[in-house]
Amino acid sequence: MDEDKLKEIKNKRAREKAKANREKMKQIALQKKTVEYQKKVNENRTAFGLEKNKIQASLTMYFKK
C-alpha cells in the first residue's frame, strides 16, 4: 500500500514538473518569434559584421504580443 502511494506521488510530481517545463519551453519559443528578439539578434549580427536577417512583422504576431 505504501509503495503504491509513493509511486503515485512520484508520478504526480514528475507530471507536474514535465508540464511546467513544457510551459516554459512554449514561452521561450513564443519569445523567440517576437520582433524585439529578432531586432536583438540583428544588432548582435551587425556587431560581428554579418548581414541582418529580415524581420517579419506580421499582424498576427503584433496582436499576440
Protein backbone atom coordinates (compact mmCIF):
# COMPACT_ATOMS: atom_id res chain seq x y z
CA MET A 1 0.00 0.00 0.00
CA ASP A 2 2.74 2.45 0.92
CA GLU A 3 4.72 1.58 -2.19
CA ASP A 4 1.70 2.32 -4.37
CA LYS A 5 1.20 5.71 -2.72
CA LEU A 6 4.87 6.56 -3.11
CA LYS A 7 4.75 5.58 -6.79
CA GLU A 8 1.64 7.68 -7.30
CA ILE A 9 3.17 10.71 -5.59
CA LYS A 10 6.38 10.28 -7.58
CA ASN A 11 4.45 10.07 -10.87
CA LYS A 12 2.34 13.10 -9.95
CA ARG A 13 5.44 15.18 -9.22
CA ALA A 14 7.06 14.05 -12.46
CA ARG A 15 3.95 15.03 -14.44
CA GLU A 16 3.81 18.45 -12.77
CA LYS A 17 7.48 19.04 -13.45
CA ALA A 18 7.12 17.98 -17.09
CA LYS A 19 4.07 20.23 -17.51
CA ALA A 20 5.95 23.21 -16.06
CA ASN A 21 8.87 22.50 -18.37
CA ARG A 22 6.58 22.35 -21.42
CA GLU A 23 5.01 25.68 -20.48
CA LYS A 24 8.45 27.23 -20.07
CA MET A 25 9.55 25.95 -23.48
CA LYS A 26 6.37 27.33 -25.09
CA GLN A 27 7.09 30.77 -23.59
CA ILE A 28 10.67 30.68 -24.85
CA ALA A 29 9.52 29.66 -28.34
CA LEU A 30 6.97 32.48 -28.43
CA GLN A 31 9.55 34.98 -27.20
CA LYS A 32 11.94 33.98 -29.98
CA LYS A 33 9.26 34.74 -32.57
CA THR A 34 8.81 38.33 -31.43
CA VAL A 35 10.12 41.29 -33.37
CA GLU A 36 12.07 42.54 -30.35
CA TYR A 37 14.05 39.30 -30.17
CA GLN A 38 14.78 39.42 -33.89
CA LYS A 39 15.98 43.03 -33.54
CA LYS A 40 18.37 42.00 -30.76
CA VAL A 41 19.70 39.22 -32.97
CA ASN A 42 20.24 41.68 -35.82
CA GLU A 43 22.08 44.10 -33.52
CA ASN A 44 24.33 41.27 -32.45
CA ARG A 45 24.89 40.19 -36.07
CA THR A 46 25.89 43.72 -37.11
CA ALA A 47 28.29 43.90 -34.17
CA PHE A 48 30.10 40.91 -35.68
CA GLY A 49 29.98 42.30 -39.21
CA LEU A 50 27.29 39.94 -40.50
CA GLU A 51 24.29 40.84 -42.63
CA LYS A 52 20.96 41.46 -40.95
CA ASN A 53 18.15 38.93 -41.22
CA LYS A 54 14.78 40.11 -42.47
CA ILE A 55 12.41 40.90 -39.63
CA GLN A 56 8.97 39.53 -40.33
CA ALA A 57 6.39 41.75 -38.69
CA SER A 58 3.05 40.14 -39.35
CA LEU A 59 -0.23 41.30 -37.88
CA THR A 60 -0.76 38.04 -36.03
CA MET A 61 2.49 38.45 -34.12
CA TYR A 62 1.58 42.05 -33.33
CA PHE A 63 -1.68 41.01 -31.72
CA LYS A 64 -0.13 38.06 -29.86
CA LYS A 65 2.16 40.48 -28.07
